[in-house]
Amino acid sequence: MAKKKINLKELTDQELAEKLKEDKAQFTRMKFNHAVSPVENPMRLRTLRRDIARMHTETTKRANAAKATNQ
């Protein structure tokens, strides 16, 4: 069953930062666990890494937009 994507644009800055922190911690745990013994679904590592990158992109986009409105 496919995981539903979260619309990052609907999250507040606080929620986005919290989700990013949680996903980074989960990715780190999964990566260490995978080094010791194989993870059940190794593709989950890839999707989690890409989700983290998407969150970083959204954070940067918001920061640039806020910077542009302040100028």
Protein backbone atom coordinates (compact mmCIF):
# COMPACT_ATOMS: atom_id res chain seq x y z
CA MET A 1 0.00 0.00 0.00
CA ALA A 2 1.46 3.34 -1.05
CA LYS A 3 1.98 6.06 1.53
CA LYS A 4 0.03 9.23 0.90
CA LYS A 5 2.21 12.25 0.24
CA ILE A 6 1.94 15.16 2.60
CA ASN A 7 1.33 18.52 1.01
CA LEU A 8 4.23 20.48 2.48
CA LYS A 9 2.77 23.80 1.37
CA GLU A 10 -0.13 23.33 3.78
CA LEU A 11 2.12 22.89 6.83
CA THR A 12 3.11 25.83 8.98
CA ASP A 13 6.79 26.68 9.43
CA GLN A 14 6.72 25.14 12.92
CA GLU A 15 5.09 21.90 11.73
CA LEU A 16 7.49 21.65 8.80
CA ALA A 17 10.54 22.08 11.04
CA GLU A 18 9.21 19.49 13.49
CA LYS A 19 8.45 16.97 10.73
CA LEU A 20 11.90 17.54 9.24
CA LYS A 21 13.55 16.90 12.60
CA GLU A 22 11.53 13.69 13.15
CA ASP A 23 12.24 12.36 9.67
CA LYS A 24 15.96 13.09 9.96
CA ALA A 25 16.09 11.16 13.25
CA GLN A 26 14.13 8.27 11.72
CA PHE A 27 16.43 8.19 8.69
CA THR A 28 19.52 8.10 10.90
CA ARG A 29 18.08 5.23 12.97
CA MET A 30 17.09 3.30 9.85
CA LYS A 31 20.51 3.82 8.28
CA PHE A 32 22.30 2.46 11.37
CA ASN A 33 19.88 -0.47 11.65
CA HIS A 34 20.40 -1.26 7.98
CA ALA A 35 24.18 -1.35 8.49
CA VAL A 36 23.79 -3.96 11.24
CA SER A 37 21.06 -6.07 9.69
CA PRO A 38 19.11 -5.59 6.46
CA VAL A 39 15.99 -3.45 6.71
CA GLU A 40 12.76 -5.10 5.60
CA ASN A 41 12.19 -2.52 2.86
CA PRO A 42 15.42 -0.79 1.79
CA MET A 43 13.52 1.43 -0.66
CA ARG A 44 12.09 3.18 2.41
CA LEU A 45 15.57 4.68 2.97
CA ARG A 46 15.47 6.28 -0.47
CA THR A 47 11.96 7.65 -0.11
CA LEU A 48 12.71 9.02 3.35
CA ARG A 49 15.91 10.70 2.11
CA ARG A 50 13.99 12.28 -0.76
CA ASP A 51 11.20 13.44 1.54
CA ILE A 52 13.82 15.15 3.71
CA ALA A 53 15.21 16.87 0.61
CA ARG A 54 11.71 18.04 -0.34
CA MET A 55 11.26 19.53 3.13
CA HIS A 56 14.61 21.33 2.87
CA THR A 57 13.55 22.70 -0.51
CA GLU A 58 10.24 23.97 0.88
CA THR A 59 12.03 25.57 3.85
CA THR A 60 14.47 27.34 1.52
CA LYS A 61 11.65 28.48 -0.75
CA ARG A 62 9.79 29.98 2.21
CA ALA A 63 12.93 31.70 3.49
CA ASN A 64 13.61 33.22 0.07
CA ALA A 65 10.00 34.37 -0.24
CA ALA A 66 10.12 36.01 3.20
CA LYS A 67 13.41 37.66 2.31
CA ALA A 68 11.97 39.00 -0.95
CA THR A 69 8.92 40.50 0.79
CA ASN A 70 11.10 42.24 3.39
CA GLN A 71 13.20 44.02 0.78
